[in-house]
Amino acid sequence: MQHIAIITGVSRVSTTFEDIVRQREAQILRVAHRMLGNWADAEDVAQEAFVKLHRHGLGFANDAAMGSWLYRVAVNVCMDRLRASRPSLELTEVAAGSANAEATLQAADDKRLLMAAMAQLPERERAAVVLREIEELSTAEVAAILGSTEVTVRSQVSKAIGRLRQLLGGK
């Protein structure tokens, strides 16, 4: 991906850092995309998270601590962007002449509706539901990333799912 070239092109970066970027980039991009609704902003968030990791150094106790730190940075950057402006939704393009065009169109529409509903959630609820339900992190991991308690995370996820059901009209 483009980010590795940009980050490694700025200065001489250790192989260890490059390995971390390769291993974690897809996860960070997914979380940012699910929170912001478009890939361009998600790529910017991933870039910023990895630049912060490079500046911070690699002095983490273990891989899990580093992963939680990266998630936390990415979520915080996403929340800052959400506060600054409403996200634009990316529409999935449908290939012309697809044998299963109707199903593809329905899937694209469902995704668009879900992203629009997600955009209406409060930032903390959106982050909690993305990390817990979509990324399938444990409640404890989500609490650590968001700097809250497990009870709060469970409450945020529950509220978010209820709001999504309401916004999607039972879909």
N, C-alpha and C. Protein backbone atom coordinates (compact mmCIF):
# COMPACT_ATOMS: atom_id res chain seq x y z
N MET A 1 0.83 -1.19 0.00
CA MET A 1 0.00 0.00 0.00
C MET A 1 0.87 1.24 0.00
N GLN A 2 0.25 2.32 -0.35
CA GLN A 2 0.92 3.59 -0.50
C GLN A 2 1.51 4.08 0.82
N HIS A 3 0.87 3.77 1.94
CA HIS A 3 1.31 4.30 3.23
C HIS A 3 2.70 3.82 3.62
N ILE A 4 2.99 2.59 3.35
CA ILE A 4 4.30 2.06 3.72
C ILE A 4 5.38 2.84 2.97
N ALA A 5 5.16 3.09 1.70
CA ALA A 5 6.13 3.84 0.91
C ALA A 5 6.29 5.25 1.44
N ILE A 6 5.20 5.89 1.81
CA ILE A 6 5.27 7.25 2.31
C ILE A 6 6.01 7.28 3.64
N ILE A 7 5.64 6.39 4.55
CA ILE A 7 6.26 6.39 5.87
C ILE A 7 7.73 6.01 5.77
N THR A 8 8.05 4.98 5.03
CA THR A 8 9.43 4.54 4.97
C THR A 8 10.27 5.47 4.12
N GLY A 9 9.65 6.25 3.24
CA GLY A 9 10.39 7.18 2.41
C GLY A 9 10.81 8.43 3.16
N VAL A 10 10.16 8.74 4.30
CA VAL A 10 10.46 9.94 5.05
C VAL A 10 11.82 9.85 5.72
N SER A 11 12.13 8.73 6.27
CA SER A 11 13.41 8.55 6.94
C SER A 11 13.76 7.07 6.94
N ARG A 12 14.93 6.77 7.38
CA ARG A 12 15.37 5.39 7.47
C ARG A 12 14.62 4.73 8.61
N VAL A 13 13.78 3.78 8.31
CA VAL A 13 12.93 3.15 9.31
C VAL A 13 13.37 1.70 9.49
N SER A 14 13.32 1.25 10.71
CA SER A 14 13.77 -0.11 10.98
C SER A 14 12.84 -1.13 10.35
N THR A 15 13.38 -2.31 10.08
CA THR A 15 12.57 -3.40 9.53
C THR A 15 11.44 -3.75 10.48
N THR A 16 11.69 -3.66 11.77
CA THR A 16 10.66 -3.97 12.75
C THR A 16 9.45 -3.05 12.57
N PHE A 17 9.67 -1.79 12.37
CA PHE A 17 8.57 -0.86 12.15
C PHE A 17 7.84 -1.19 10.86
N GLU A 18 8.56 -1.47 9.81
CA GLU A 18 7.94 -1.84 8.53
C GLU A 18 7.09 -3.09 8.69
N ASP A 19 7.57 -4.05 9.46
CA ASP A 19 6.79 -5.27 9.71
C ASP A 19 5.49 -4.95 10.44
N ILE A 20 5.57 -4.06 11.42
CA ILE A 20 4.38 -3.68 12.17
C ILE A 20 3.36 -3.01 11.25
N VAL A 21 3.85 -2.13 10.39
CA VAL A 21 2.94 -1.46 9.45
C VAL A 21 2.27 -2.49 8.56
N ARG A 22 3.04 -3.42 8.02
CA ARG A 22 2.46 -4.45 7.15
C ARG A 22 1.44 -5.30 7.90
N GLN A 23 1.73 -5.64 9.15
CA GLN A 23 0.84 -6.50 9.94
C GLN A 23 -0.43 -5.79 10.39
N ARG A 24 -0.35 -4.52 10.68
CA ARG A 24 -1.46 -3.81 11.32
C ARG A 24 -2.22 -2.85 10.41
N GLU A 25 -1.68 -2.56 9.23
CA GLU A 25 -2.29 -1.54 8.38
C GLU A 25 -3.74 -1.87 8.01
N ALA A 26 -4.00 -3.10 7.63
CA ALA A 26 -5.37 -3.48 7.22
C ALA A 26 -6.35 -3.29 8.37
N GLN A 27 -5.96 -3.65 9.60
CA GLN A 27 -6.84 -3.50 10.75
C GLN A 27 -7.17 -2.03 11.00
N ILE A 28 -6.15 -1.20 10.97
CA ILE A 28 -6.34 0.22 11.25
C ILE A 28 -7.18 0.87 10.14
N LEU A 29 -6.93 0.48 8.90
CA LEU A 29 -7.73 1.00 7.79
C LEU A 29 -9.20 0.60 7.94
N ARG A 30 -9.45 -0.66 8.31
CA ARG A 30 -10.83 -1.13 8.47
C ARG A 30 -11.58 -0.34 9.54
N VAL A 31 -10.94 -0.16 10.69
CA VAL A 31 -11.57 0.57 11.78
C VAL A 31 -11.86 2.01 11.35
N ALA A 32 -10.88 2.65 10.75
CA ALA A 32 -11.05 4.04 10.33
C ALA A 32 -12.14 4.15 9.27
N HIS A 33 -12.17 3.22 8.33
CA HIS A 33 -13.21 3.26 7.28
C HIS A 33 -14.59 3.07 7.89
N ARG A 34 -14.71 2.16 8.82
CA ARG A 34 -16.01 1.90 9.44
C ARG A 34 -16.48 3.08 10.29
N MET A 35 -15.54 3.82 10.84
CA MET A 35 -15.93 4.97 11.64
C MET A 35 -16.20 6.20 10.78
N LEU A 36 -15.44 6.36 9.69
CA LEU A 36 -15.55 7.59 8.90
C LEU A 36 -16.39 7.45 7.64
N GLY A 37 -16.49 6.23 7.13
CA GLY A 37 -17.35 6.01 5.97
C GLY A 37 -16.70 6.16 4.61
N ASN A 38 -15.42 6.48 4.55
CA ASN A 38 -14.77 6.53 3.24
C ASN A 38 -13.30 6.18 3.36
N TRP A 39 -12.77 5.66 2.26
CA TRP A 39 -11.40 5.13 2.27
C TRP A 39 -10.35 6.23 2.28
N ALA A 40 -10.61 7.35 1.64
CA ALA A 40 -9.60 8.42 1.60
C ALA A 40 -9.28 8.91 3.02
N ASP A 41 -10.32 9.18 3.81
CA ASP A 41 -10.11 9.61 5.18
C ASP A 41 -9.49 8.49 6.02
N ALA A 42 -9.91 7.26 5.76
CA ALA A 42 -9.35 6.12 6.50
C ALA A 42 -7.85 6.00 6.25
N GLU A 43 -7.43 6.20 5.02
CA GLU A 43 -6.00 6.14 4.70
C GLU A 43 -5.24 7.25 5.41
N ASP A 44 -5.83 8.44 5.48
CA ASP A 44 -5.19 9.54 6.20
C ASP A 44 -5.05 9.21 7.69
N VAL A 45 -6.08 8.61 8.25
CA VAL A 45 -6.04 8.24 9.67
C VAL A 45 -4.96 7.19 9.92
N ALA A 46 -4.91 6.17 9.06
CA ALA A 46 -3.88 5.13 9.21
C ALA A 46 -2.50 5.75 9.12
N GLN A 47 -2.31 6.63 8.15
CA GLN A 47 -1.02 7.30 8.00
C GLN A 47 -0.65 8.04 9.28
N GLU A 48 -1.59 8.79 9.81
CA GLU A 48 -1.32 9.56 11.03
C GLU A 48 -1.02 8.64 12.22
N ALA A 49 -1.76 7.54 12.33
CA ALA A 49 -1.53 6.60 13.43
C ALA A 49 -0.13 6.00 13.35
N PHE A 50 0.30 5.62 12.16
CA PHE A 50 1.63 5.02 12.02
C PHE A 50 2.75 6.04 12.18
N VAL A 51 2.50 7.28 11.79
CA VAL A 51 3.50 8.33 12.03
C VAL A 51 3.65 8.52 13.54
N LYS A 52 2.52 8.52 14.26
CA LYS A 52 2.57 8.66 15.72
C LYS A 52 3.29 7.47 16.36
N LEU A 53 3.06 6.27 15.82
CA LEU A 53 3.77 5.09 16.32
C LEU A 53 5.26 5.25 16.11
N HIS A 54 5.64 5.71 14.95
CA HIS A 54 7.08 5.89 14.65
C HIS A 54 7.71 6.89 15.60
N ARG A 55 7.00 7.99 15.85
CA ARG A 55 7.51 9.01 16.77
C ARG A 55 7.56 8.49 18.20
N HIS A 56 6.56 7.67 18.57
CA HIS A 56 6.47 7.14 19.93
C HIS A 56 7.57 6.14 20.20
N GLY A 57 7.95 5.40 19.16
CA GLY A 57 8.94 4.35 19.33
C GLY A 57 8.26 3.01 19.55
N LEU A 58 9.06 2.00 19.67
CA LEU A 58 8.52 0.65 19.77
C LEU A 58 8.70 0.05 21.16
N GLY A 59 8.70 0.89 22.17
CA GLY A 59 8.93 0.42 23.53
C GLY A 59 7.69 -0.09 24.22
N PHE A 60 6.97 -1.01 23.59
CA PHE A 60 5.77 -1.57 24.20
C PHE A 60 6.12 -2.89 24.87
N ALA A 61 5.39 -3.22 25.92
CA ALA A 61 5.64 -4.45 26.65
C ALA A 61 5.44 -5.68 25.78
N ASN A 62 4.44 -5.62 24.90
CA ASN A 62 4.16 -6.76 24.02
C ASN A 62 3.35 -6.28 22.82
N ASP A 63 3.09 -7.20 21.92
CA ASP A 63 2.36 -6.89 20.69
C ASP A 63 0.94 -6.43 20.99
N ALA A 64 0.30 -7.00 21.98
CA ALA A 64 -1.07 -6.63 22.33
C ALA A 64 -1.12 -5.18 22.82
N ALA A 65 -0.17 -4.78 23.62
CA ALA A 65 -0.13 -3.39 24.11
C ALA A 65 0.05 -2.42 22.96
N MET A 66 0.93 -2.77 22.03
CA MET A 66 1.15 -1.93 20.87
C MET A 66 -0.11 -1.87 20.00
N GLY A 67 -0.79 -3.00 19.83
CA GLY A 67 -2.01 -3.04 19.04
C GLY A 67 -3.10 -2.19 19.67
N SER A 68 -3.27 -2.28 20.97
CA SER A 68 -4.27 -1.46 21.67
C SER A 68 -3.95 0.02 21.53
N TRP A 69 -2.67 0.36 21.65
CA TRP A 69 -2.24 1.75 21.51
C TRP A 69 -2.57 2.26 20.11
N LEU A 70 -2.27 1.47 19.09
CA LEU A 70 -2.56 1.87 17.71
C LEU A 70 -4.06 2.06 17.49
N TYR A 71 -4.86 1.12 17.97
CA TYR A 71 -6.31 1.27 17.85
C TYR A 71 -6.76 2.56 18.53
N ARG A 72 -6.26 2.80 19.73
CA ARG A 72 -6.66 4.00 20.48
C ARG A 72 -6.32 5.26 19.69
N VAL A 73 -5.11 5.32 19.13
CA VAL A 73 -4.71 6.48 18.34
C VAL A 73 -5.63 6.65 17.14
N ALA A 74 -5.89 5.55 16.42
CA ALA A 74 -6.74 5.63 15.23
C ALA A 74 -8.15 6.08 15.59
N VAL A 75 -8.72 5.52 16.65
CA VAL A 75 -10.07 5.90 17.07
C VAL A 75 -10.10 7.37 17.47
N ASN A 76 -9.10 7.82 18.19
CA ASN A 76 -9.06 9.23 18.60
C ASN A 76 -8.95 10.17 17.40
N VAL A 77 -8.13 9.81 16.42
CA VAL A 77 -8.00 10.62 15.22
C VAL A 77 -9.34 10.64 14.47
N CYS A 78 -10.00 9.49 14.39
CA CYS A 78 -11.32 9.43 13.75
C CYS A 78 -12.31 10.33 14.47
N MET A 79 -12.32 10.27 15.78
CA MET A 79 -13.26 11.08 16.55
C MET A 79 -12.98 12.57 16.35
N ASP A 80 -11.71 12.94 16.26
CA ASP A 80 -11.37 14.34 15.99
C ASP A 80 -11.91 14.76 14.62
N ARG A 81 -11.76 13.90 13.63
CA ARG A 81 -12.26 14.21 12.29
C ARG A 81 -13.78 14.29 12.28
N LEU A 82 -14.44 13.42 13.02
CA LEU A 82 -15.90 13.44 13.06
C LEU A 82 -16.41 14.73 13.70
N ARG A 83 -15.69 15.20 14.69
CA ARG A 83 -16.09 16.45 15.33
C ARG A 83 -15.91 17.63 14.38
N ALA A 84 -14.88 17.54 13.54
CA ALA A 84 -14.56 18.64 12.63
C ALA A 84 -15.56 18.75 11.48
N SER A 85 -16.05 17.61 10.99
CA SER A 85 -16.99 17.65 9.87
C SER A 85 -17.75 16.35 9.76
N ARG A 86 -18.87 16.39 9.08
CA ARG A 86 -19.65 15.18 8.84
C ARG A 86 -18.95 14.36 7.79
N PRO A 87 -18.90 13.04 7.94
CA PRO A 87 -18.23 12.21 6.94
C PRO A 87 -19.03 12.12 5.65
N SER A 88 -18.31 12.00 4.55
CA SER A 88 -19.00 11.75 3.28
C SER A 88 -19.05 10.25 3.08
N LEU A 89 -20.16 9.75 2.57
CA LEU A 89 -20.32 8.32 2.39
C LEU A 89 -19.82 7.90 1.03
N GLU A 90 -19.09 6.82 1.00
CA GLU A 90 -18.57 6.28 -0.25
C GLU A 90 -19.58 5.28 -0.79
N LEU A 91 -19.98 5.44 -2.04
CA LEU A 91 -20.91 4.49 -2.64
C LEU A 91 -20.13 3.42 -3.36
N THR A 92 -20.57 2.18 -3.20
CA THR A 92 -19.93 1.07 -3.88
C THR A 92 -20.32 1.08 -5.34
N GLU A 93 -19.32 0.99 -6.22
CA GLU A 93 -19.62 0.94 -7.64
C GLU A 93 -19.97 -0.49 -8.02
N VAL A 94 -20.94 -0.63 -8.91
CA VAL A 94 -21.38 -1.93 -9.36
C VAL A 94 -20.87 -2.14 -10.78
N ALA A 95 -20.19 -3.26 -11.00
CA ALA A 95 -19.67 -3.54 -12.33
C ALA A 95 -20.80 -3.78 -13.31
N ALA A 96 -20.72 -3.14 -14.46
CA ALA A 96 -21.76 -3.30 -15.49
C ALA A 96 -21.71 -4.72 -16.03
N GLY A 97 -22.90 -5.26 -16.30
CA GLY A 97 -22.97 -6.60 -16.88
C GLY A 97 -22.74 -7.72 -15.88
N SER A 98 -22.79 -7.41 -14.60
CA SER A 98 -22.60 -8.44 -13.58
C SER A 98 -23.74 -9.44 -13.65
N ALA A 99 -23.40 -10.71 -13.55
CA ALA A 99 -24.42 -11.76 -13.59
C ALA A 99 -25.38 -11.63 -12.42
N ASN A 100 -24.88 -11.11 -11.32
CA ASN A 100 -25.70 -11.00 -10.12
C ASN A 100 -25.86 -9.53 -9.75
N ALA A 101 -26.18 -8.68 -10.73
CA ALA A 101 -26.23 -7.23 -10.53
C ALA A 101 -27.25 -6.83 -9.47
N GLU A 102 -28.41 -7.47 -9.46
CA GLU A 102 -29.45 -7.09 -8.49
C GLU A 102 -28.99 -7.34 -7.06
N ALA A 103 -28.38 -8.50 -6.82
CA ALA A 103 -27.87 -8.81 -5.49
C ALA A 103 -26.73 -7.86 -5.12
N THR A 104 -25.89 -7.53 -6.09
CA THR A 104 -24.79 -6.60 -5.85
C THR A 104 -25.32 -5.22 -5.51
N LEU A 105 -26.33 -4.76 -6.25
CA LEU A 105 -26.95 -3.47 -5.97
C LEU A 105 -27.57 -3.45 -4.58
N GLN A 106 -28.26 -4.55 -4.19
CA GLN A 106 -28.88 -4.62 -2.87
C GLN A 106 -27.82 -4.58 -1.78
N ALA A 107 -26.72 -5.31 -1.96
CA ALA A 107 -25.64 -5.31 -0.98
C ALA A 107 -25.04 -3.92 -0.85
N ALA A 108 -24.85 -3.25 -1.99
CA ALA A 108 -24.29 -1.89 -1.97
C ALA A 108 -25.25 -0.94 -1.26
N ASP A 109 -26.54 -1.08 -1.51
CA ASP A 109 -27.54 -0.24 -0.86
C ASP A 109 -27.58 -0.50 0.64
N ASP A 110 -27.52 -1.78 1.03
CA ASP A 110 -27.50 -2.13 2.45
C ASP A 110 -26.28 -1.52 3.14
N LYS A 111 -25.14 -1.61 2.47
CA LYS A 111 -23.89 -1.05 3.03
C LYS A 111 -24.02 0.46 3.18
N ARG A 112 -24.57 1.11 2.16
CA ARG A 112 -24.74 2.56 2.20
C ARG A 112 -25.67 2.96 3.35
N LEU A 113 -26.76 2.24 3.51
CA LEU A 113 -27.70 2.52 4.59
C LEU A 113 -27.06 2.32 5.96
N LEU A 114 -26.30 1.24 6.10
CA LEU A 114 -25.62 0.98 7.37
C LEU A 114 -24.60 2.08 7.67
N MET A 115 -23.82 2.47 6.67
CA MET A 115 -22.82 3.52 6.88
C MET A 115 -23.50 4.84 7.24
N ALA A 116 -24.62 5.13 6.60
CA ALA A 116 -25.36 6.36 6.92
C ALA A 116 -25.89 6.30 8.35
N ALA A 117 -26.39 5.15 8.76
CA ALA A 117 -26.88 4.99 10.13
C ALA A 117 -25.73 5.10 11.12
N MET A 118 -24.61 4.47 10.81
CA MET A 118 -23.43 4.54 11.68
C MET A 118 -22.97 5.99 11.86
N ALA A 119 -23.06 6.78 10.78
CA ALA A 119 -22.63 8.17 10.83
C ALA A 119 -23.49 8.99 11.79
N GLN A 120 -24.70 8.52 12.08
CA GLN A 120 -25.60 9.24 12.98
C GLN A 120 -25.39 8.89 14.45
N LEU A 121 -24.62 7.85 14.71
CA LEU A 121 -24.37 7.46 16.10
C LEU A 121 -23.42 8.46 16.75
N PRO A 122 -23.55 8.65 18.06
CA PRO A 122 -22.54 9.43 18.78
C PRO A 122 -21.17 8.77 18.61
N GLU A 123 -20.13 9.57 18.59
CA GLU A 123 -18.78 9.08 18.30
C GLU A 123 -18.34 7.91 19.17
N ARG A 124 -18.56 8.02 20.47
CA ARG A 124 -18.11 6.96 21.39
C ARG A 124 -18.88 5.67 21.14
N GLU A 125 -20.17 5.77 20.88
CA GLU A 125 -20.96 4.57 20.58
C GLU A 125 -20.50 3.94 19.28
N ARG A 126 -20.24 4.78 18.29
CA ARG A 126 -19.77 4.26 17.00
C ARG A 126 -18.44 3.54 17.18
N ALA A 127 -17.54 4.14 17.90
CA ALA A 127 -16.24 3.50 18.14
C ALA A 127 -16.41 2.18 18.87
N ALA A 128 -17.26 2.17 19.90
CA ALA A 128 -17.47 0.95 20.68
C ALA A 128 -18.05 -0.17 19.83
N VAL A 129 -19.07 0.14 19.01
CA VAL A 129 -19.70 -0.90 18.21
C VAL A 129 -18.76 -1.38 17.09
N VAL A 130 -17.99 -0.49 16.51
CA VAL A 130 -17.03 -0.90 15.47
C VAL A 130 -15.98 -1.84 16.07
N LEU A 131 -15.40 -1.45 17.19
CA LEU A 131 -14.33 -2.26 17.79
C LEU A 131 -14.86 -3.58 18.35
N ARG A 132 -16.01 -3.55 19.02
CA ARG A 132 -16.52 -4.75 19.68
C ARG A 132 -17.24 -5.70 18.72
N GLU A 133 -18.16 -5.18 17.95
CA GLU A 133 -19.00 -6.04 17.13
C GLU A 133 -18.43 -6.32 15.75
N ILE A 134 -17.73 -5.38 15.16
CA ILE A 134 -17.21 -5.59 13.81
C ILE A 134 -15.79 -6.11 13.84
N GLU A 135 -14.94 -5.47 14.64
CA GLU A 135 -13.55 -5.93 14.75
C GLU A 135 -13.41 -7.12 15.70
N GLU A 136 -14.46 -7.39 16.46
CA GLU A 136 -14.53 -8.53 17.39
C GLU A 136 -13.45 -8.52 18.46
N LEU A 137 -13.12 -7.31 18.96
CA LEU A 137 -12.21 -7.21 20.09
C LEU A 137 -13.01 -7.52 21.35
N SER A 138 -12.31 -7.95 22.38
CA SER A 138 -13.00 -8.23 23.64
C SER A 138 -13.46 -6.92 24.27
N THR A 139 -14.43 -7.02 25.16
CA THR A 139 -14.93 -5.84 25.86
C THR A 139 -13.81 -5.17 26.63
N ALA A 140 -12.94 -5.96 27.24
CA ALA A 140 -11.81 -5.40 27.99
C ALA A 140 -10.87 -4.63 27.07
N GLU A 141 -10.60 -5.18 25.88
CA GLU A 141 -9.73 -4.49 24.93
C GLU A 141 -10.35 -3.17 24.48
N VAL A 142 -11.64 -3.19 24.19
CA VAL A 142 -12.33 -1.97 23.76
C VAL A 142 -12.30 -0.93 24.87
N ALA A 143 -12.53 -1.37 26.10
CA ALA A 143 -12.49 -0.45 27.23
C ALA A 143 -11.11 0.19 27.36
N ALA A 144 -10.07 -0.60 27.20
CA ALA A 144 -8.71 -0.06 27.28
C ALA A 144 -8.45 0.94 26.16
N ILE A 145 -8.89 0.62 24.96
CA ILE A 145 -8.68 1.50 23.81
C ILE A 145 -9.42 2.82 23.98
N LEU A 146 -10.65 2.75 24.48
CA LEU A 146 -11.47 3.95 24.63
C LEU A 146 -11.28 4.66 25.96
N GLY A 147 -10.49 4.05 26.85
CA GLY A 147 -10.25 4.67 28.15
C GLY A 147 -11.49 4.72 29.01
N SER A 148 -12.27 3.64 28.97
CA SER A 148 -13.49 3.58 29.77
C SER A 148 -13.57 2.23 30.46
N THR A 149 -14.70 1.96 31.08
CA THR A 149 -14.87 0.68 31.77
C THR A 149 -15.58 -0.31 30.86
N GLU A 150 -15.52 -1.58 31.22
CA GLU A 150 -16.20 -2.61 30.46
C GLU A 150 -17.72 -2.40 30.51
N VAL A 151 -18.23 -1.97 31.65
CA VAL A 151 -19.66 -1.71 31.79
C VAL A 151 -20.09 -0.61 30.82
N THR A 152 -19.28 0.43 30.73
CA THR A 152 -19.59 1.53 29.81
C THR A 152 -19.57 1.05 28.37
N VAL A 153 -18.59 0.22 28.00
CA VAL A 153 -18.51 -0.30 26.64
C VAL A 153 -19.74 -1.14 26.32
N ARG A 154 -20.12 -2.02 27.24
CA ARG A 154 -21.32 -2.84 27.00
C ARG A 154 -22.56 -1.96 26.81
N SER A 155 -22.67 -0.91 27.61
CA SER A 155 -23.79 0.01 27.50
C SER A 155 -23.76 0.75 26.16
N GLN A 156 -22.57 1.22 25.76
CA GLN A 156 -22.45 1.94 24.49
C GLN A 156 -22.79 1.04 23.31
N VAL A 157 -22.33 -0.20 23.34
CA VAL A 157 -22.63 -1.14 22.26
C VAL A 157 -24.12 -1.42 22.21
N SER A 158 -24.72 -1.65 23.36
CA SER A 158 -26.15 -1.92 23.41
C SER A 158 -26.96 -0.74 22.87
N LYS A 159 -26.63 0.46 23.31
CA LYS A 159 -27.33 1.65 22.83
C LYS A 159 -27.13 1.82 21.32
N ALA A 160 -25.90 1.61 20.85
CA ALA A 160 -25.60 1.77 19.43
C ALA A 160 -26.41 0.78 18.59
N ILE A 161 -26.48 -0.45 19.03
CA ILE A 161 -27.24 -1.46 18.28
C ILE A 161 -28.72 -1.10 18.27
N GLY A 162 -29.23 -0.65 19.40
CA GLY A 162 -30.63 -0.22 19.47
C GLY A 162 -30.91 0.94 18.53
N ARG A 163 -30.00 1.91 18.52
CA ARG A 163 -30.17 3.07 17.62
C ARG A 163 -30.07 2.65 16.16
N LEU A 164 -29.14 1.74 15.86
CA LEU A 164 -29.01 1.27 14.48
C LEU A 164 -30.28 0.57 14.03
N ARG A 165 -30.84 -0.26 14.90
CA ARG A 165 -32.10 -0.94 14.56
C ARG A 165 -33.21 0.08 14.28
N GLN A 166 -33.27 1.08 15.12
CA GLN A 166 -34.28 2.12 14.97
C GLN A 166 -34.04 2.90 13.67
N LEU A 167 -32.81 3.29 13.40
CA LEU A 167 -32.50 4.05 12.19
C LEU A 167 -32.73 3.26 10.92
N LEU A 168 -32.48 1.95 11.00
CA LEU A 168 -32.64 1.10 9.82
C LEU A 168 -34.05 0.56 9.70
N GLY A 169 -34.92 0.90 10.62
CA GLY A 169 -36.31 0.49 10.54
C GLY A 169 -36.51 -1.01 10.57
N GLY A 170 -35.71 -1.70 11.38
CA GLY A 170 -35.87 -3.16 11.52
C GLY A 170 -35.24 -3.95 10.41
N LYS A 171 -34.43 -3.33 9.56
CA LYS A 171 -33.79 -4.06 8.46
C LYS A 171 -32.79 -5.06 8.97
